[in-house]
């Protein structure tokens, strides 16, 4: 299969990159992918990568749990527990930004977050391009396969929970989401942070690189410029502290060739604690939520 190179950085339009890491696809193919860093704006990206038409096969794995409703092994069970409590936390985070209008979850997966919001009386819509994920969605949810197939609505809140790193057309997608945002609406963008302590510790084994599904690897340095180009500005940055534990545990499993064990479990928890403690000083949590408004 031929891969495509990223010729120009989508944040600064420069074409000068340096090698950052070589990472393995631990989820589906076992293939190696190069991760590069823009020498101007510090955006990190996967290049070369599968084309958008080829990307689907890298999601076709029972290990890709965000597109399923089941769990496998201890990490799968931990993921589902963390997802449940995080879902409640996310709802409490966004509910004060809802002013009677609908919520859009872009990249809604199996629709768990939407289902929870709907149970609280919130009008909801979702966009999920994966047919496998949509197949595992409750039938009473309105989930489209693209933004163009949504009803002509303006949304009080648009959420992207670990989705932007998967999007091929960053600027175009952000501009399209901005056009669907009500005048005082809010976008919540959660992405992994490659400058976190757990990322630095695990290097090429850091689970949140997740090549080649994660095309872009953001930090607090690159995100503001990207959003600014799409007519958006950051109003607040919030940590996702639980991510450090799950990502560290999964990274331990990768480092240990697929077997976590008791020792890996303890080391992973320790790495998560250490990452969150260090982030109290520098703000580089394992994952960050950018609370965004129209400029």
C-alpha atoms as a PDB file:
ATOM      1  CA  UNK A   1       0.000   0.000   0.000  1.00  0.00           C
ATOM      2  CA  UNK A   2       1.355   3.433  -0.931  1.00  0.00           C
ATOM      3  CA  UNK A   3       1.487   6.142   1.735  1.00  0.00           C
ATOM      4  CA  UNK A   4       1.168   9.902   1.348  1.00  0.00           C
ATOM      5  CA  UNK A   5       3.634  12.488   2.645  1.00  0.00           C
ATOM      6  CA  UNK A   6       2.466  15.632   4.418  1.00  0.00           C
ATOM      7  CA  UNK A   7       4.177  18.302   2.334  1.00  0.00           C
ATOM      8  CA  UNK A   8       3.093  21.440   4.211  1.00  0.00           C
ATOM      9  CA  UNK A   9       2.331  22.058   7.881  1.00  0.00           C
ATOM     10  CA  UNK A  10      -1.380  22.885   8.325  1.00  0.00           C
ATOM     11  CA  UNK A  11      -0.611  25.319  11.151  1.00  0.00           C
ATOM     12  CA  UNK A  12       2.131  27.523   9.652  1.00  0.00           C
ATOM     13  CA  UNK A  13       2.259  26.504   5.955  1.00  0.00           C
ATOM     14  CA  UNK A  14       5.987  25.716   6.206  1.00  0.00           C
ATOM     15  CA  UNK A  15       7.569  22.636   4.672  1.00  0.00           C
ATOM     16  CA  UNK A  16      10.543  22.007   6.968  1.00  0.00           C
ATOM     17  CA  UNK A  17      10.245  18.944   9.195  1.00  0.00           C
ATOM     18  CA  UNK A  18      12.640  16.944  11.337  1.00  0.00           C
ATOM     19  CA  UNK A  19      12.374  13.353  12.496  1.00  0.00           C
ATOM     20  CA  UNK A  20      10.725  13.005  15.899  1.00  0.00           C
ATOM     21  CA  UNK A  21      10.073   9.278  16.462  1.00  0.00           C
ATOM     22  CA  UNK A  22       9.253   6.027  14.705  1.00  0.00           C
ATOM     23  CA  UNK A  23       6.187   4.397  16.273  1.00  0.00           C
ATOM     24  CA  UNK A  24       4.473   1.049  15.843  1.00  0.00           C
ATOM     25  CA  UNK A  25       0.793   0.540  15.155  1.00  0.00           C
ATOM     26  CA  UNK A  26      -0.031  -1.660  18.150  1.00  0.00           C
ATOM     27  CA  UNK A  27      -3.774  -1.790  17.410  1.00  0.00           C
ATOM     28  CA  UNK A  28      -4.206  -3.302  13.982  1.00  0.00           C
ATOM     29  CA  UNK A  29      -1.366  -3.670  11.495  1.00  0.00           C
ATOM     30  CA  UNK A  30       1.910  -3.835  13.469  1.00  0.00           C
ATOM     31  CA  UNK A  31       3.405  -1.479  10.865  1.00  0.00           C
ATOM     32  CA  UNK A  32       5.934   1.245  11.671  1.00  0.00           C
ATOM     33  CA  UNK A  33       5.186   4.911  10.960  1.00  0.00           C
ATOM     34  CA  UNK A  34       7.382   7.992  11.122  1.00  0.00           C
ATOM     35  CA  UNK A  35       6.373  10.907  13.315  1.00  0.00           C
ATOM     36  CA  UNK A  36       7.839  14.283  12.342  1.00  0.00           C
ATOM     37  CA  UNK A  37       7.948  17.740  13.899  1.00  0.00           C
ATOM     38  CA  UNK A  38       7.505  21.053  12.137  1.00  0.00           C
ATOM     39  CA  UNK A  39      10.653  23.077  12.736  1.00  0.00           C
ATOM     40  CA  UNK A  40       8.711  26.348  12.784  1.00  0.00           C
ATOM     41  CA  UNK A  41       5.554  25.863  14.887  1.00  0.00           C
ATOM     42  CA  UNK A  42       6.345  22.552  16.695  1.00  0.00           C
ATOM     43  CA  UNK A  43       3.290  20.674  15.413  1.00  0.00           C
ATOM     44  CA  UNK A  44       4.053  16.949  15.365  1.00  0.00           C
ATOM     45  CA  UNK A  45       2.487  14.802  12.657  1.00  0.00           C
ATOM     46  CA  UNK A  46       2.419  11.290  11.218  1.00  0.00           C
ATOM     47  CA  UNK A  47       4.073  11.252   7.784  1.00  0.00           C
ATOM     48  CA  UNK A  48       3.979   9.376   5.512  1.00  0.00           C
ATOM     49  CA  UNK A  49       0.506   8.100   6.326  1.00  0.00           C
ATOM     50  CA  UNK A  50      -2.404   6.217   4.719  1.00  0.00           C
ATOM     51  CA  UNK A  51      -4.677   8.327   2.542  1.00  0.00           C
ATOM     52  CA  UNK A  52      -8.158   9.162   3.780  1.00  0.00           C
ATOM     53  CA  UNK A  53      -9.547   6.430   1.520  1.00  0.00           C
ATOM     54  CA  UNK A  54      -7.163   3.844   3.002  1.00  0.00           C
ATOM     55  CA  UNK A  55      -7.531   4.869   6.641  1.00  0.00           C
ATOM     56  CA  UNK A  56     -10.603   2.773   7.373  1.00  0.00           C
ATOM     57  CA  UNK A  57      -8.753  -0.524   7.542  1.00  0.00           C
ATOM     58  CA  UNK A  58      -6.629   0.733  10.449  1.00  0.00           C
ATOM     59  CA  UNK A  59      -9.791   1.106  12.555  1.00  0.00           C
ATOM     60  CA  UNK A  60     -10.998  -2.423  11.825  1.00  0.00           C
ATOM     61  CA  UNK A  61      -9.803  -4.097  14.980  1.00  0.00           C
ATOM     62  CA  UNK A  62     -11.461  -5.367  18.132  1.00  0.00           C
ATOM     63  CA  UNK A  63      -8.663  -3.571  19.967  1.00  0.00           C
ATOM     64  CA  UNK A  64     -10.016  -0.202  18.806  1.00  0.00           C
ATOM     65  CA  UNK A  65     -12.398   0.003  21.729  1.00  0.00           C
ATOM     66  CA  UNK A  66     -13.851   3.485  21.143  1.00  0.00           C
ATOM     67  CA  UNK A  67     -15.799   2.057  18.191  1.00  0.00           C
ATOM     68  CA  UNK A  68     -17.204  -0.855  20.171  1.00  0.00           C
ATOM     69  CA  UNK A  69     -19.396  -1.399  23.209  1.00  0.00           C
ATOM     70  CA  UNK A  70     -17.432  -4.343  24.564  1.00  0.00           C
ATOM     71  CA  UNK A  71     -14.242  -4.714  26.578  1.00  0.00           C
ATOM     72  CA  UNK A  72     -11.393  -7.196  26.404  1.00  0.00           C
ATOM     73  CA  UNK A  73      -9.014  -7.819  29.284  1.00  0.00           C
ATOM     74  CA  UNK A  74      -8.168  -5.631  32.248  1.00  0.00           C
ATOM     75  CA  UNK A  75      -7.309  -2.554  30.162  1.00  0.00           C
ATOM     76  CA  UNK A  76     -10.574  -2.803  28.255  1.00  0.00           C
ATOM     77  CA  UNK A  77     -12.461  -2.946  31.556  1.00  0.00           C
ATOM     78  CA  UNK A  78     -10.479   0.016  32.907  1.00  0.00           C
ATOM     79  CA  UNK A  79     -11.233   1.955  29.731  1.00  0.00           C
ATOM     80  CA  UNK A  80     -14.989   1.429  30.076  1.00  0.00           C
ATOM     81  CA  UNK A  81     -14.935   2.450  33.757  1.00  0.00           C
ATOM     82  CA  UNK A  82     -12.890   5.571  32.993  1.00  0.00           C
ATOM     83  CA  UNK A  83     -15.163   6.355  30.035  1.00  0.00           C
ATOM     84  CA  UNK A  84     -18.255   6.225  32.259  1.00  0.00           C
ATOM     85  CA  UNK A  85     -16.948   8.617  34.892  1.00  0.00           C
ATOM     86  CA  UNK A  86     -15.381  10.868  32.273  1.00  0.00           C
ATOM     87  CA  UNK A  87     -18.722  11.009  30.440  1.00  0.00           C
ATOM     88  CA  UNK A  88     -20.433  12.380  33.545  1.00  0.00           C
ATOM     89  CA  UNK A  89     -17.595  14.864  34.067  1.00  0.00           C
ATOM     90  CA  UNK A  90     -17.849  16.015  30.440  1.00  0.00           C
ATOM     91  CA  UNK A  91     -21.586  16.587  30.774  1.00  0.00           C
ATOM     92  CA  UNK A  92     -21.108  18.673  33.905  1.00  0.00           C
ATOM     93  CA  UNK A  93     -18.443  20.627  32.030  1.00  0.00           C
ATOM     94  CA  UNK A  94     -20.633  21.511  29.042  1.00  0.00           C
ATOM     95  CA  UNK A  95     -24.097  21.847  30.581  1.00  0.00           C
ATOM     96  CA  UNK A  96     -23.646  25.456  31.720  1.00  0.00           C
ATOM     97  CA  UNK A  97     -22.837  26.433  28.125  1.00  0.00           C
ATOM     98  CA  UNK A  98     -26.155  25.092  26.841  1.00  0.00           C
ATOM     99  CA  UNK A  99     -28.803  27.803  26.526  1.00  0.00           C
ATOM    100  CA  UNK A 100     -31.708  25.751  25.254  1.00  0.00           C
ATOM    101  CA  UNK A 101     -30.143  24.950  21.887  1.00  0.00           C
ATOM    102  CA  UNK A 102     -28.812  21.604  20.693  1.00  0.00           C
ATOM    103  CA  UNK A 103     -25.438  19.944  21.253  1.00  0.00           C
ATOM    104  CA  UNK A 104     -23.331  18.408  18.491  1.00  0.00           C
ATOM    105  CA  UNK A 105     -20.800  15.681  19.250  1.00  0.00           C
ATOM    106  CA  UNK A 106     -18.417  15.527  16.301  1.00  0.00           C
ATOM    107  CA  UNK A 107     -16.805  12.097  16.125  1.00  0.00           C
ATOM    108  CA  UNK A 108     -19.400  10.574  18.419  1.00  0.00           C
ATOM    109  CA  UNK A 109     -18.179   6.963  18.239  1.00  0.00           C
ATOM    110  CA  UNK A 110     -20.848   4.630  19.595  1.00  0.00           C
ATOM    111  CA  UNK A 111     -22.837   7.582  20.951  1.00  0.00           C
ATOM    112  CA  UNK A 112     -22.438   6.982  24.680  1.00  0.00           C
ATOM    113  CA  UNK A 113     -21.883  10.673  25.480  1.00  0.00           C
ATOM    114  CA  UNK A 114     -24.845  11.689  23.318  1.00  0.00           C
ATOM    115  CA  UNK A 115     -27.067   9.095  24.968  1.00  0.00           C
ATOM    116  CA  UNK A 116     -26.164  10.427  28.409  1.00  0.00           C
ATOM    117  CA  UNK A 117     -26.816  14.033  27.383  1.00  0.00           C
ATOM    118  CA  UNK A 118     -30.140  13.034  25.845  1.00  0.00           C
ATOM    119  CA  UNK A 119     -31.128  11.307  29.099  1.00  0.00           C
ATOM    120  CA  UNK A 120     -30.662  14.710  30.776  1.00  0.00           C
ATOM    121  CA  UNK A 121     -33.095  16.364  28.379  1.00  0.00           C
ATOM    122  CA  UNK A 122     -30.524  17.901  26.021  1.00  0.00           C
ATOM    123  CA  UNK A 123     -31.363  17.940  22.270  1.00  0.00           C
ATOM    124  CA  UNK A 124     -28.425  16.191  20.638  1.00  0.00           C
ATOM    125  CA  UNK A 125     -26.964  15.375  17.238  1.00  0.00           C
ATOM    126  CA  UNK A 126     -23.831  13.484  16.294  1.00  0.00           C
ATOM    127  CA  UNK A 127     -21.429  13.023  13.403  1.00  0.00           C
ATOM    128  CA  UNK A 128     -19.540   9.741  13.089  1.00  0.00           C
ATOM    129  CA  UNK A 129     -17.948   8.689   9.787  1.00  0.00           C
ATOM    130  CA  UNK A 130     -17.252   5.097  10.859  1.00  0.00           C
ATOM    131  CA  UNK A 131     -20.036   2.699   9.775  1.00  0.00           C
ATOM    132  CA  UNK A 132     -18.838   0.189  12.382  1.00  0.00           C
ATOM    133  CA  UNK A 133     -19.272   2.741  15.178  1.00  0.00           C
ATOM    134  CA  UNK A 134     -22.652   3.895  13.883  1.00  0.00           C
ATOM    135  CA  UNK A 135     -23.777   0.263  13.778  1.00  0.00           C
ATOM    136  CA  UNK A 136     -23.117   0.056  17.534  1.00  0.00           C
ATOM    137  CA  UNK A 137     -25.123   3.219  18.245  1.00  0.00           C
ATOM    138  CA  UNK A 138     -28.573   3.234  19.827  1.00  0.00           C
ATOM    139  CA  UNK A 139     -31.247   3.579  17.158  1.00  0.00           C
ATOM    140  CA  UNK A 140     -32.910   6.569  18.853  1.00  0.00           C
ATOM    141  CA  UNK A 141     -29.876   8.817  18.318  1.00  0.00           C
ATOM    142  CA  UNK A 142     -29.579  11.123  15.319  1.00  0.00           C
ATOM    143  CA  UNK A 143     -26.047  10.476  14.070  1.00  0.00           C
ATOM    144  CA  UNK A 144     -24.983  11.533  10.568  1.00  0.00           C
ATOM    145  CA  UNK A 145     -21.959  10.310   8.660  1.00  0.00           C
ATOM    146  CA  UNK A 146     -20.782  13.874   7.888  1.00  0.00           C
ATOM    147  CA  UNK A 147     -21.470  17.512   8.729  1.00  0.00           C
ATOM    148  CA  UNK A 148     -23.159  18.021   5.365  1.00  0.00           C
ATOM    149  CA  UNK A 149     -25.850  15.479   6.274  1.00  0.00           C
ATOM    150  CA  UNK A 150     -26.870  17.227   9.500  1.00  0.00           C
ATOM    151  CA  UNK A 151     -30.089  19.254   9.760  1.00  0.00           C
ATOM    152  CA  UNK A 152     -29.525  23.028   9.200  1.00  0.00           C
ATOM    153  CA  UNK A 153     -29.072  23.872  12.879  1.00  0.00           C
ATOM    154  CA  UNK A 154     -26.859  26.155  14.936  1.00  0.00           C
ATOM    155  CA  UNK A 155     -25.402  24.514  18.052  1.00  0.00           C
ATOM    156  CA  UNK A 156     -24.837  25.986  21.507  1.00  0.00           C
ATOM    157  CA  UNK A 157     -22.104  23.416  22.152  1.00  0.00           C
ATOM    158  CA  UNK A 158     -19.928  21.375  19.805  1.00  0.00           C
ATOM    159  CA  UNK A 159     -17.681  18.714  21.316  1.00  0.00           C
ATOM    160  CA  UNK A 160     -14.685  16.899  19.853  1.00  0.00           C
ATOM    161  CA  UNK A 161     -13.537  14.349  22.425  1.00  0.00           C
ATOM    162  CA  UNK A 162     -10.210  13.027  21.107  1.00  0.00           C
ATOM    163  CA  UNK A 163     -11.290  13.499  17.511  1.00  0.00           C
ATOM    164  CA  UNK A 164      -9.308  16.389  15.996  1.00  0.00           C
ATOM    165  CA  UNK A 165      -6.136  14.287  15.860  1.00  0.00           C
ATOM    166  CA  UNK A 166      -7.952  11.941  13.413  1.00  0.00           C
ATOM    167  CA  UNK A 167      -9.152  14.645  11.003  1.00  0.00           C
ATOM    168  CA  UNK A 168      -7.413  14.901   7.633  1.00  0.00           C
ATOM    169  CA  UNK A 169      -8.635  18.398   6.727  1.00  0.00           C
ATOM    170  CA  UNK A 170      -7.999  20.407   9.884  1.00  0.00           C
ATOM    171  CA  UNK A 171      -8.656  23.972   8.761  1.00  0.00           C
ATOM    172  CA  UNK A 172     -11.653  23.107   6.602  1.00  0.00           C
ATOM    173  CA  UNK A 173     -13.250  21.018   9.347  1.00  0.00           C
ATOM    174  CA  UNK A 174     -12.748  23.691  12.009  1.00  0.00           C
ATOM    175  CA  UNK A 175     -14.208  26.335   9.712  1.00  0.00           C
ATOM    176  CA  UNK A 176     -17.216  24.114   8.996  1.00  0.00           C
ATOM    177  CA  UNK A 177     -17.764  23.550  12.723  1.00  0.00           C
ATOM    178  CA  UNK A 178     -17.450  27.289  13.365  1.00  0.00           C
ATOM    179  CA  UNK A 179     -20.178  27.933  10.805  1.00  0.00           C
ATOM    180  CA  UNK A 180     -22.484  25.593  12.780  1.00  0.00           C
ATOM    181  CA  UNK A 181     -21.775  27.312  16.107  1.00  0.00           C
ATOM    182  CA  UNK A 182     -24.325  29.752  17.554  1.00  0.00           C
ATOM    183  CA  UNK A 183     -23.048  33.289  18.036  1.00  0.00           C
ATOM    184  CA  UNK A 184     -22.154  32.765  21.699  1.00  0.00           C
ATOM    185  CA  UNK A 185     -21.599  29.019  21.327  1.00  0.00           C
ATOM    186  CA  UNK A 186     -18.675  27.018  22.674  1.00  0.00           C
ATOM    187  CA  UNK A 187     -16.505  24.280  21.179  1.00  0.00           C
ATOM    188  CA  UNK A 188     -14.756  21.791  23.466  1.00  0.00           C
ATOM    189  CA  UNK A 189     -11.691  20.185  21.857  1.00  0.00           C
ATOM    190  CA  UNK A 190      -9.918  17.398  23.771  1.00  0.00           C
ATOM    191  CA  UNK A 191      -6.607  16.161  22.366  1.00  0.00           C
ATOM    192  CA  UNK A 192      -3.527  14.321  23.676  1.00  0.00           C
ATOM    193  CA  UNK A 193      -0.518  16.462  24.562  1.00  0.00           C
ATOM    194  CA  UNK A 194       2.811  15.170  23.241  1.00  0.00           C
ATOM    195  CA  UNK A 195       4.700  17.436  25.654  1.00  0.00           C
ATOM    196  CA  UNK A 196       3.273  15.701  28.731  1.00  0.00           C
ATOM    197  CA  UNK A 197       5.496  13.851  31.171  1.00  0.00           C
ATOM    198  CA  UNK A 198       4.040  10.454  30.239  1.00  0.00           C
ATOM    199  CA  UNK A 199       4.695  11.148  26.544  1.00  0.00           C
ATOM    200  CA  UNK A 200       8.294  12.111  27.302  1.00  0.00           C
ATOM    201  CA  UNK A 201       8.752   9.016  29.464  1.00  0.00           C
ATOM    202  CA  UNK A 202       7.319   6.433  27.066  1.00  0.00           C
ATOM    203  CA  UNK A 203       8.660   8.029  23.849  1.00  0.00           C
ATOM    204  CA  UNK A 204       7.756   5.845  20.821  1.00  0.00           C
ATOM    205  CA  UNK A 205       5.690   3.536  23.067  1.00  0.00           C
ATOM    206  CA  UNK A 206       3.399   6.354  24.217  1.00  0.00           C
ATOM    207  CA  UNK A 207      -0.061   5.001  23.462  1.00  0.00           C
ATOM    208  CA  UNK A 208      -1.518   8.386  22.502  1.00  0.00           C
ATOM    209  CA  UNK A 209       0.654   8.584  19.387  1.00  0.00           C
ATOM    210  CA  UNK A 210      -1.660   5.803  18.120  1.00  0.00           C
ATOM    211  CA  UNK A 211      -0.240   5.806  14.596  1.00  0.00           C
ATOM    212  CA  UNK A 212      -1.505   5.928  11.920  1.00  0.00           C
ATOM    213  CA  UNK A 213      -4.995   6.775  13.236  1.00  0.00           C
ATOM    214  CA  UNK A 214      -3.647   9.890  14.964  1.00  0.00           C
ATOM    215  CA  UNK A 215      -2.491  12.104  12.129  1.00  0.00           C
ATOM    216  CA  UNK A 216      -1.593  15.138  14.245  1.00  0.00           C
ATOM    217  CA  UNK A 217       0.019  15.374  17.678  1.00  0.00           C
ATOM    218  CA  UNK A 218      -0.773  18.666  19.382  1.00  0.00           C
ATOM    219  CA  UNK A 219       0.592  20.723  22.246  1.00  0.00           C
ATOM    220  CA  UNK A 220      -0.257  24.075  23.804  1.00  0.00           C
ATOM    221  CA  UNK A 221       2.224  25.636  21.373  1.00  0.00           C
ATOM    222  CA  UNK A 222       0.557  24.582  18.113  1.00  0.00           C
ATOM    223  CA  UNK A 223      -3.170  24.567  18.919  1.00  0.00           C
ATOM    224  CA  UNK A 224      -3.681  28.378  19.322  1.00  0.00           C
ATOM    225  CA  UNK A 225      -2.296  29.161  15.860  1.00  0.00           C
ATOM    226  CA  UNK A 226      -4.369  26.407  14.250  1.00  0.00           C
ATOM    227  CA  UNK A 227      -7.589  27.669  15.834  1.00  0.00           C
ATOM    228  CA  UNK A 228      -6.791  31.294  15.059  1.00  0.00           C
ATOM    229  CA  UNK A 229      -6.539  30.462  11.337  1.00  0.00           C
ATOM    230  CA  UNK A 230     -10.125  29.173  11.478  1.00  0.00           C
ATOM    231  CA  UNK A 231     -11.566  32.222  13.248  1.00  0.00           C
ATOM    232  CA  UNK A 232     -11.531  30.658  16.706  1.00  0.00           C
ATOM    233  CA  UNK A 233      -9.828  31.582  19.973  1.00  0.00           C
ATOM    234  CA  UNK A 234      -9.108  29.726  23.205  1.00  0.00           C
ATOM    235  CA  UNK A 235     -10.868  30.964  26.319  1.00  0.00           C
ATOM    236  CA  UNK A 236      -9.717  28.268  28.754  1.00  0.00           C
ATOM    237  CA  UNK A 237      -7.529  25.148  28.886  1.00  0.00           C
ATOM    238  CA  UNK A 238      -8.565  22.282  31.174  1.00  0.00           C
ATOM    239  CA  UNK A 239      -6.747  19.059  32.139  1.00  0.00           C
ATOM    240  CA  UNK A 240      -8.045  15.525  31.637  1.00  0.00           C
ATOM    241  CA  UNK A 241      -6.236  13.944  34.565  1.00  0.00           C
ATOM    242  CA  UNK A 242      -7.642  10.425  34.215  1.00  0.00           C
ATOM    243  CA  UNK A 243      -6.111  10.125  30.748  1.00  0.00           C
ATOM    244  CA  UNK A 244      -2.606  10.002  32.207  1.00  0.00           C
ATOM    245  CA  UNK A 245      -3.408   6.730  33.992  1.00  0.00           C
ATOM    246  CA  UNK A 246      -5.090   4.915  31.118  1.00  0.00           C
ATOM    247  CA  UNK A 247      -2.524   6.078  28.549  1.00  0.00           C
ATOM    248  CA  UNK A 248       0.361   5.116  30.849  1.00  0.00           C
ATOM    249  CA  UNK A 249      -1.100   1.655  31.464  1.00  0.00           C
ATOM    250  CA  UNK A 250      -1.569   1.075  27.746  1.00  0.00           C
ATOM    251  CA  UNK A 251       1.959   2.361  27.084  1.00  0.00           C
ATOM    252  CA  UNK A 252       3.321  -0.095  29.651  1.00  0.00           C
ATOM    253  CA  UNK A 253       1.523  -2.887  27.808  1.00  0.00           C
ATOM    254  CA  UNK A 254       3.140  -1.810  24.533  1.00  0.00           C
ATOM    255  CA  UNK A 255       6.578  -1.615  26.134  1.00  0.00           C
ATOM    256  CA  UNK A 256       6.091  -5.108  27.557  1.00  0.00           C
ATOM    257  CA  UNK A 257       5.180  -6.625  24.172  1.00  0.00           C
ATOM    258  CA  UNK A 258       1.470  -6.934  24.853  1.00  0.00           C
ATOM    259  CA  UNK A 259       1.459  -8.231  28.422  1.00  0.00           C
ATOM    260  CA  UNK A 260       0.801  -5.750  31.228  1.00  0.00           C
ATOM    261  CA  UNK A 261       1.106  -7.925  34.367  1.00  0.00           C
ATOM    262  CA  UNK A 262       1.136  -6.720  37.962  1.00  0.00           C
ATOM    263  CA  UNK A 263       4.480  -4.965  37.588  1.00  0.00           C
ATOM    264  CA  UNK A 264       3.327  -3.107  34.481  1.00  0.00           C
ATOM    265  CA  UNK A 265       0.105  -2.165  36.245  1.00  0.00           C
ATOM    266  CA  UNK A 266       2.016  -0.619  39.152  1.00  0.00           C
ATOM    267  CA  UNK A 267       4.495   1.161  36.901  1.00  0.00           C
ATOM    268  CA  UNK A 268       1.666   2.528  34.759  1.00  0.00           C
ATOM    269  CA  UNK A 269      -0.191   3.924  37.754  1.00  0.00           C
ATOM    270  CA  UNK A 270       3.034   5.470  39.047  1.00  0.00           C
ATOM    271  CA  UNK A 271       3.706   7.065  35.639  1.00  0.00           C
ATOM    272  CA  UNK A 272       0.202   8.538  35.630  1.00  0.00           C
ATOM    273  CA  UNK A 273       0.634   9.990  39.117  1.00  0.00           C
ATOM    274  CA  UNK A 274       4.022  11.446  38.196  1.00  0.00           C
ATOM    275  CA  UNK A 275       2.664  12.961  34.991  1.00  0.00           C
ATOM    276  CA  UNK A 276      -0.193  14.723  36.784  1.00  0.00           C
ATOM    277  CA  UNK A 277       2.092  15.989  39.548  1.00  0.00           C
ATOM    278  CA  UNK A 278       4.557  17.467  37.068  1.00  0.00           C
ATOM    279  CA  UNK A 279       1.722  18.998  35.071  1.00  0.00           C
ATOM    280  CA  UNK A 280       0.673  21.005  38.117  1.00  0.00           C
ATOM    281  CA  UNK A 281       3.814  23.054  37.486  1.00  0.00           C
ATOM    282  CA  UNK A 282       4.004  23.291  33.682  1.00  0.00           C
ATOM    283  CA  UNK A 283       0.382  22.611  32.631  1.00  0.00           C
ATOM    284  CA  UNK A 284       1.399  19.766  30.296  1.00  0.00           C
ATOM    285  CA  UNK A 285      -1.213  17.177  31.251  1.00  0.00           C
ATOM    286  CA  UNK A 286      -1.489  13.987  29.218  1.00  0.00           C
ATOM    287  CA  UNK A 287      -4.614  15.340  27.523  1.00  0.00           C
ATOM    288  CA  UNK A 288      -5.992  18.867  27.437  1.00  0.00           C
ATOM    289  CA  UNK A 289      -9.406  20.346  26.689  1.00  0.00           C
ATOM    290  CA  UNK A 290      -9.435  23.630  24.800  1.00  0.00           C
ATOM    291  CA  UNK A 291     -12.576  25.673  25.449  1.00  0.00           C
ATOM    292  CA  UNK A 292     -13.070  27.667  22.265  1.00  0.00           C
ATOM    293  CA  UNK A 293     -15.249  30.543  21.043  1.00  0.00           C
ATOM    294  CA  UNK A 294     -15.654  32.475  17.828  1.00  0.00           C
ATOM    295  CA  UNK A 295     -13.206  35.359  17.505  1.00  0.00           C
END
